[in-house]
């Protein structure tokens, strides 16, 4: 049976760069991998065909020979495809199968502790301006009795009999083999026959430690700060990372929307009429806001550059201040008399234009 053109197999052209070639092969491998297509010999053949095509086209020397002479140009160079019975797929295709099926990355992960998460609550001020916070977390330190080996003093871990100390075992599936993490030693490659008593063979002792967390300005709900190497401890390997997840507490005055802060401020009846100045809180201090005469309730004033920022961008948004005119209450007789004298001098059409317009519009509803 004649072989298909390698470029046709991967769905690429001759000028396709290697990164795009790799993506094309990964797509085919994901689709036709035997693990995803059990009992489907056609998929297995297409997988092998794609692997063979990538093996040639990803190698500059083989590709050059193939471009000049076709399949006959690479027959003597291993162009007939790799021998899957003898060679591990992950070894042939490097990180492609490590990314797709975990053949290599699982080995690396086994030598690294798990990532952990710590939830922290911040005030709006801390989130917007940034803060330095201290947190206490449960942790591990190397056992001084066994120096982190996990084995009883005077002894040492021995190689795992199942994997021979490699931490990996090979599983044969059809015409190729897959490398997996050893279940006997969990990828460590070592077995502890005489565990250290103080640490129960873990190689580490539990402790609580205090960490200093630098909260950058502009964080918001759901943001995370990573502390490298402060996650779960791993014997003989690298510690994971600690992610500090941010929750911003509700603020009694401000509402945050992106970079802007919103606030509602009551102003007195007389200030709304004759004007004046009021004190407005910001996240740092108080500022004075001038209120023009005859200001209506609901009027919004913009205070620039006093709002929030976002992470990796220090530019501040604005505070948008909405004023609410407060009706005076608890008036005595004298005050009421004076107010009556004042209101009797007002004319609806000129002094209350909004009410006059509403009256005209509503009257037309029943014409």
Protein backbone atom coordinates (compact mmCIF):
# COMPACT_ATOMS: atom_id res chain seq x y z
CA UNK A 1 0.00 0.00 0.00
CA UNK A 2 1.46 3.39 -1.00
CA UNK A 3 2.10 5.99 1.67
CA UNK A 4 0.32 9.30 1.76
CA UNK A 5 2.22 12.55 1.41
CA UNK A 6 3.53 13.57 4.84
CA UNK A 7 2.39 17.17 4.39
CA UNK A 8 -1.09 15.93 3.51
CA UNK A 9 -1.12 13.68 6.59
CA UNK A 10 -0.50 16.63 8.93
CA UNK A 11 -2.49 19.12 6.88
CA UNK A 12 0.42 21.57 6.45
CA UNK A 13 2.43 23.08 3.60
CA UNK A 14 6.16 22.84 2.88
CA UNK A 15 6.85 26.29 4.31
CA UNK A 16 5.13 25.64 7.64
CA UNK A 17 7.43 26.67 10.53
CA UNK A 18 8.31 24.08 13.15
CA UNK A 19 6.08 25.47 15.95
CA UNK A 20 3.04 25.28 13.63
CA UNK A 21 4.14 21.81 12.52
CA UNK A 22 4.20 20.77 16.15
CA UNK A 23 0.69 22.14 16.71
CA UNK A 24 -0.61 20.26 13.67
CA UNK A 25 0.86 17.00 14.91
CA UNK A 26 -0.47 17.56 18.42
CA UNK A 27 -3.97 18.03 17.00
CA UNK A 28 -3.74 14.74 15.09
CA UNK A 29 -2.27 12.95 18.09
CA UNK A 30 -5.07 14.14 20.34
CA UNK A 31 -7.66 12.92 17.83
CA UNK A 32 -6.24 9.51 16.96
CA UNK A 33 -4.36 8.43 20.09
CA UNK A 34 -5.23 4.77 20.88
CA UNK A 35 -6.05 5.65 24.50
CA UNK A 36 -8.89 7.80 23.19
CA UNK A 37 -9.92 5.30 20.53
CA UNK A 38 -9.86 1.84 22.10
CA UNK A 39 -10.69 -1.05 19.78
CA UNK A 40 -10.30 1.21 16.74
CA UNK A 41 -7.45 -0.12 14.56
CA UNK A 42 -8.03 2.60 11.95
CA UNK A 43 -7.34 5.34 14.53
CA UNK A 44 -4.19 3.51 15.63
CA UNK A 45 -2.94 3.44 12.05
CA UNK A 46 -3.67 7.14 11.56
CA UNK A 47 -1.87 7.91 14.80
CA UNK A 48 1.16 5.96 13.61
CA UNK A 49 0.97 7.69 10.21
CA UNK A 50 0.92 11.15 11.84
CA UNK A 51 3.82 10.19 14.12
CA UNK A 52 5.85 9.02 11.15
CA UNK A 53 5.13 12.22 9.23
CA UNK A 54 6.15 14.43 12.15
CA UNK A 55 9.30 12.37 12.76
CA UNK A 56 10.47 13.20 9.23
CA UNK A 57 9.23 16.76 8.78
CA UNK A 58 10.50 17.96 12.17
CA UNK A 59 14.05 16.78 11.38
CA UNK A 60 15.82 19.25 9.01
CA UNK A 61 17.99 16.55 7.38
CA UNK A 62 15.12 14.10 6.84
CA UNK A 63 12.82 16.87 5.65
CA UNK A 64 15.36 18.03 3.06
CA UNK A 65 15.75 14.48 1.72
CA UNK A 66 11.98 13.97 1.66
CA UNK A 67 11.36 17.27 -0.17
CA UNK A 68 13.83 16.22 -2.90
CA UNK A 69 13.17 12.50 -3.31
CA UNK A 70 9.89 11.76 -1.52
CA UNK A 71 9.49 8.62 0.59
CA UNK A 72 12.40 6.88 -1.09
CA UNK A 73 14.71 9.67 0.09
CA UNK A 74 14.17 8.89 3.77
CA UNK A 75 13.82 5.10 3.75
CA UNK A 76 17.45 4.69 4.71
CA UNK A 77 17.24 7.40 7.38
CA UNK A 78 14.49 5.91 9.48
CA UNK A 79 11.88 7.60 7.33
CA UNK A 80 9.70 4.54 7.51
CA UNK A 81 8.74 5.70 10.96
CA UNK A 82 10.03 4.91 14.44
CA UNK A 83 9.88 1.39 15.85
CA UNK A 84 7.14 1.74 18.45
CA UNK A 85 7.79 -1.69 19.93
CA UNK A 86 11.24 -0.70 21.16
CA UNK A 87 11.11 3.03 21.77
CA UNK A 88 9.05 5.07 24.22
CA UNK A 89 6.73 7.55 22.49
CA UNK A 90 7.68 10.31 24.91
CA UNK A 91 11.37 9.87 24.05
CA UNK A 92 10.71 10.29 20.31
CA UNK A 93 8.46 13.30 20.41
CA UNK A 94 9.83 15.11 23.47
CA UNK A 95 7.50 17.50 25.17
CA UNK A 96 4.65 17.03 22.67
CA UNK A 97 3.41 13.92 24.41
CA UNK A 98 4.46 15.36 27.75
CA UNK A 99 2.02 18.22 27.12
CA UNK A 100 -0.77 16.12 25.65
CA UNK A 101 -0.65 12.88 27.61
CA UNK A 102 1.53 13.66 30.62
CA UNK A 103 4.26 11.12 29.88
CA UNK A 104 7.07 13.42 30.99
CA UNK A 105 5.41 16.13 33.01
CA UNK A 106 4.07 13.55 35.47
CA UNK A 107 7.66 12.68 36.35
CA UNK A 108 8.52 16.31 36.92
CA UNK A 109 5.35 16.90 38.96
CA UNK A 110 6.17 13.93 41.20
CA UNK A 111 9.29 15.81 42.32
CA UNK A 112 7.35 18.94 43.26
CA UNK A 113 5.04 19.61 46.18
CA UNK A 114 1.44 20.67 45.63
CA UNK A 115 0.43 24.30 45.31
CA UNK A 116 -1.61 25.64 48.23
CA UNK A 117 -4.10 28.49 48.61
CA UNK A 118 -4.66 30.90 51.48
CA UNK A 119 -7.72 33.18 51.50
CA UNK A 120 -7.22 36.70 52.81
CA UNK A 121 -9.75 39.50 53.35
CA UNK A 122 -8.71 43.08 52.66
CA UNK A 123 -10.34 46.41 53.24
CA UNK A 124 -11.11 48.52 50.18
CA UNK A 125 -8.30 50.87 51.16
CA UNK A 126 -5.77 48.02 51.38
CA UNK A 127 -6.91 46.62 48.02
CA UNK A 128 -6.69 49.96 46.22
CA UNK A 129 -3.54 51.38 47.81
CA UNK A 130 -1.68 48.13 48.50
CA UNK A 131 -0.59 46.72 51.85
CA UNK A 132 1.90 44.54 53.68
CA UNK A 133 0.12 41.68 55.47
CA UNK A 134 1.34 38.99 57.84
CA UNK A 135 -0.21 35.54 57.55
CA UNK A 136 0.28 32.35 59.55
CA UNK A 137 0.15 29.05 57.69
CA UNK A 138 0.78 25.40 58.57
CA UNK A 139 4.03 24.25 57.01
CA UNK A 140 6.79 21.66 57.18
CA UNK A 141 10.47 21.82 57.94
CA UNK A 142 13.12 19.21 57.25
CA UNK A 143 13.34 16.59 59.97
CA UNK A 144 16.61 17.05 61.85
CA UNK A 145 16.67 13.37 62.88
CA UNK A 146 16.83 11.94 59.35
CA UNK A 147 17.95 15.09 57.46
CA UNK A 148 14.87 14.83 55.25
CA UNK A 149 15.47 11.28 53.99
CA UNK A 150 12.53 9.80 55.90
CA UNK A 151 14.62 6.77 56.84
CA UNK A 152 15.58 5.83 60.38
CA UNK A 153 18.90 7.27 61.54
CA UNK A 154 21.74 5.03 60.37
CA UNK A 155 19.75 3.69 57.41
CA UNK A 156 18.81 5.03 54.01
CA UNK A 157 16.03 4.57 51.42
CA UNK A 158 16.55 1.77 48.91
CA UNK A 159 15.71 1.61 45.21
CA UNK A 160 12.15 0.63 44.38
CA UNK A 161 12.03 -2.99 43.14
CA UNK A 162 9.10 -2.26 40.84
CA UNK A 163 10.74 0.51 38.78
CA UNK A 164 14.41 -0.08 39.58
CA UNK A 165 14.78 3.39 41.07
CA UNK A 166 13.65 5.34 37.99
CA UNK A 167 10.24 6.26 39.38
CA UNK A 168 8.68 5.29 36.03
CA UNK A 169 7.32 2.04 34.60
CA UNK A 170 6.48 1.17 31.00
CA UNK A 171 3.09 -0.12 29.95
CA UNK A 172 2.88 -1.93 26.62
CA UNK A 173 -0.17 -1.04 24.52
CA UNK A 174 -0.26 -2.58 21.08
CA UNK A 175 2.59 -1.38 18.90
CA UNK A 176 3.97 1.21 21.32
CA UNK A 177 4.73 1.63 25.02
CA UNK A 178 3.72 4.35 27.45
CA UNK A 179 5.77 5.47 30.42
CA UNK A 180 3.83 6.00 33.67
CA UNK A 181 4.59 6.96 37.25
CA UNK A 182 5.45 3.95 39.40
CA UNK A 183 2.54 3.17 41.75
CA UNK A 184 4.80 1.46 44.32
CA UNK A 185 6.98 4.50 45.07
CA UNK A 186 4.75 7.26 43.60
CA UNK A 187 7.55 8.33 41.28
CA UNK A 188 10.16 8.78 44.02
CA UNK A 189 12.21 5.80 42.89
CA UNK A 190 12.97 4.97 46.54
CA UNK A 191 11.32 2.81 49.20
CA UNK A 192 11.75 3.47 52.94
CA UNK A 193 11.86 0.15 54.77
CA UNK A 194 12.72 1.62 58.20
CA UNK A 195 10.84 4.93 58.61
CA UNK A 196 12.17 7.66 60.84
CA UNK A 197 10.06 7.74 64.02
CA UNK A 198 9.94 11.50 64.74
CA UNK A 199 8.63 12.33 61.26
CA UNK A 200 6.94 8.95 60.53
CA UNK A 201 9.01 8.60 57.37
CA UNK A 202 7.81 11.87 55.84
CA UNK A 203 11.22 13.53 56.09
CA UNK A 204 9.62 16.69 57.52
CA UNK A 205 8.02 17.98 60.71
CA UNK A 206 4.88 20.12 60.88
CA UNK A 207 5.18 23.71 62.02
CA UNK A 208 3.36 27.03 61.77
CA UNK A 209 5.21 29.86 60.08
CA UNK A 210 4.53 33.54 59.53
CA UNK A 211 4.91 35.00 56.06
CA UNK A 212 4.96 38.59 54.88
CA UNK A 213 2.73 39.16 51.84
CA UNK A 214 3.19 42.23 49.67
CA UNK A 215 -0.29 43.11 48.36
CA UNK A 216 0.13 45.21 45.20
CA UNK A 217 -2.10 48.24 44.68
CA UNK A 218 -5.24 47.71 42.63
CA UNK A 219 -6.10 44.11 43.52
CA UNK A 220 -9.75 43.07 43.44
CA UNK A 221 -11.90 40.07 44.32
CA UNK A 222 -10.46 36.85 42.88
CA UNK A 223 -6.93 38.17 42.33
CA UNK A 224 -4.10 35.98 43.64
CA UNK A 225 -0.61 36.76 44.89
CA UNK A 226 1.88 33.92 44.38
CA UNK A 227 4.57 33.13 46.94
CA UNK A 228 7.06 30.89 45.15
CA UNK A 229 8.24 27.87 47.10
CA UNK A 230 5.90 28.43 50.06
CA UNK A 231 3.51 25.61 49.12
CA UNK A 232 3.62 21.96 50.13
CA UNK A 233 7.07 20.60 51.01
CA UNK A 234 8.37 17.68 48.92
CA UNK A 235 11.09 15.34 50.16
CA UNK A 236 14.00 15.33 47.73
CA UNK A 237 12.19 17.73 45.43
CA UNK A 238 10.93 21.27 45.07
CA UNK A 239 8.25 22.84 47.25
CA UNK A 240 5.05 23.98 45.58
CA UNK A 241 3.81 27.57 45.54
CA UNK A 242 1.39 29.33 47.85
CA UNK A 243 -1.38 31.42 46.27
CA UNK A 244 -2.91 34.12 48.44
CA UNK A 245 -6.47 34.65 47.14
CA UNK A 246 -7.95 38.12 47.71
CA UNK A 247 -11.44 38.93 48.93
CA UNK A 248 -12.29 42.63 49.36
CA UNK A 249 -14.68 43.39 52.22
CA UNK A 250 -17.76 45.52 51.55
CA UNK A 251 -17.20 49.21 52.25
CA UNK A 252 -19.95 51.15 54.09
CA UNK A 253 -19.42 54.27 51.95
CA UNK A 254 -17.88 53.41 48.59
CA UNK A 255 -18.93 51.12 45.76
CA UNK A 256 -16.17 50.09 43.37
CA UNK A 257 -16.60 49.58 39.64
CA UNK A 258 -13.25 48.97 37.97
CA UNK A 259 -11.16 52.10 38.50
CA UNK A 260 -14.01 54.32 39.76
CA UNK A 261 -15.48 54.67 43.23
CA UNK A 262 -19.11 55.73 43.76
CA UNK A 263 -20.45 57.52 46.83
CA UNK A 264 -23.75 59.14 47.85
CA UNK A 265 -23.51 62.18 50.13
CA UNK A 266 -26.44 63.95 51.82
CA UNK A 267 -26.40 67.76 51.67
CA UNK A 268 -28.56 70.15 53.62
CA UNK A 269 -31.63 71.82 52.19
CA UNK A 270 -30.12 75.27 52.54
CA UNK A 271 -26.79 74.24 50.94
CA UNK A 272 -28.65 72.92 47.91
CA UNK A 273 -30.33 76.33 47.55
CA UNK A 274 -27.62 78.86 48.32
CA UNK A 275 -24.54 76.68 47.69
CA UNK A 276 -21.54 76.04 49.89
CA UNK A 277 -18.79 73.50 50.54
CA UNK A 278 -18.96 69.99 52.00
CA UNK A 279 -16.31 67.53 53.18
CA UNK A 280 -15.94 64.41 51.05
CA UNK A 281 -13.99 61.33 52.25
CA UNK A 282 -11.41 59.71 49.98
CA UNK A 283 -9.34 56.61 50.69
CA UNK A 284 -6.48 58.81 51.99
CA UNK A 285 -8.16 61.81 53.65
CA UNK A 286 -10.99 64.36 53.32
CA UNK A 287 -11.30 66.94 50.58
CA UNK A 288 -13.56 69.95 50.12
CA UNK A 289 -16.22 69.83 47.40
CA UNK A 290 -17.88 73.03 46.24
CA UNK A 291 -21.66 72.83 45.81
CA UNK A 292 -23.12 75.42 43.43
CA UNK A 293 -26.34 77.22 44.34
CA UNK A 294 -29.64 75.61 43.32
CA UNK A 295 -28.11 72.10 43.13
CA UNK A 296 -30.73 69.41 42.57
CA UNK A 297 -30.76 66.04 44.30
CA UNK A 298 -29.05 63.35 42.21
CA UNK A 299 -26.42 65.72 40.81
CA UNK A 300 -23.13 63.84 40.26
CA UNK A 301 -19.75 65.49 40.86
CA UNK A 302 -16.54 63.91 39.56
CA UNK A 303 -13.42 64.03 41.74
CA UNK A 304 -10.56 63.08 39.47
CA UNK A 305 -7.64 60.74 40.28
CA UNK A 306 -8.97 59.73 43.70
CA UNK A 307 -10.50 56.40 42.68
CA UNK A 308 -8.90 52.97 42.33
CA UNK A 309 -6.11 51.59 40.19
CA UNK A 310 -5.68 48.10 38.76
CA UNK A 311 -2.76 45.71 39.12
CA UNK A 312 0.21 46.62 36.90
CA UNK A 313 -1.32 50.02 36.11
CA UNK A 314 -0.93 52.74 38.74
CA UNK A 315 -3.29 55.24 37.10
CA UNK A 316 -6.13 56.09 39.47
CA UNK A 317 -9.76 56.38 38.43
CA UNK A 318 -12.24 58.93 39.79
CA UNK A 319 -14.66 59.30 42.67
CA UNK A 320 -18.18 59.98 41.45
CA UNK A 321 -20.11 61.77 44.18
CA UNK A 322 -23.93 61.82 43.95
CA UNK A 323 -25.54 64.36 46.27
CA UNK A 324 -28.90 63.76 47.93
CA UNK A 325 -30.78 66.82 49.22
CA UNK A 326 -32.00 66.08 52.73
CA UNK A 327 -35.40 67.46 53.79
CA UNK A 328 -35.12 69.14 57.21
CA UNK A 329 -37.04 67.42 60.01
CA UNK A 330 -37.95 68.25 63.64
CA UNK A 331 -38.79 71.89 62.85
CA UNK A 332 -40.28 74.03 65.64
CA UNK A 333 -43.23 76.41 65.17
CA UNK A 334 -41.05 79.44 64.50
CA UNK A 335 -39.09 77.60 61.83
CA UNK A 336 -42.26 76.30 60.21
CA UNK A 337 -43.74 79.82 60.16
CA UNK A 338 -40.65 81.21 58.49
CA UNK A 339 -40.62 78.36 56.02
CA UNK A 340 -44.27 78.98 55.14
CA UNK A 341 -43.52 82.63 54.51
CA UNK A 342 -40.65 81.66 52.26
CA UNK A 343 -42.51 78.97 50.26
CA UNK A 344 -45.56 81.23 49.75
CA UNK A 345 -43.33 83.60 47.82
CA UNK A 346 -42.33 80.91 45.33
CA UNK A 347 -44.02 80.50 41.96
CA UNK A 348 -44.44 77.01 40.56
CA UNK A 349 -43.55 77.80 36.96
CA UNK A 350 -40.30 79.64 37.64
CA UNK A 351 -39.08 78.18 40.91
CA UNK A 352 -40.10 74.55 40.32
CA UNK A 353 -39.60 73.94 36.58
CA UNK A 354 -39.37 70.17 36.99
CA UNK A 355 -42.67 69.91 38.85
CA UNK A 356 -44.34 72.23 36.37
CA UNK A 357 -43.15 70.12 33.39
CA UNK A 358 -44.29 66.91 35.05
CA UNK A 359 -47.74 68.42 35.72
CA UNK A 360 -48.15 69.38 32.06
CA UNK A 361 -47.07 65.96 30.75
CA UNK A 362 -49.19 63.97 33.19
CA UNK A 363 -52.29 66.03 32.42
CA UNK A 364 -52.15 64.90 28.80
CA UNK A 365 -52.48 61.24 29.77
CA UNK A 366 -56.24 61.60 30.23
CA UNK A 367 -57.02 64.05 27.43
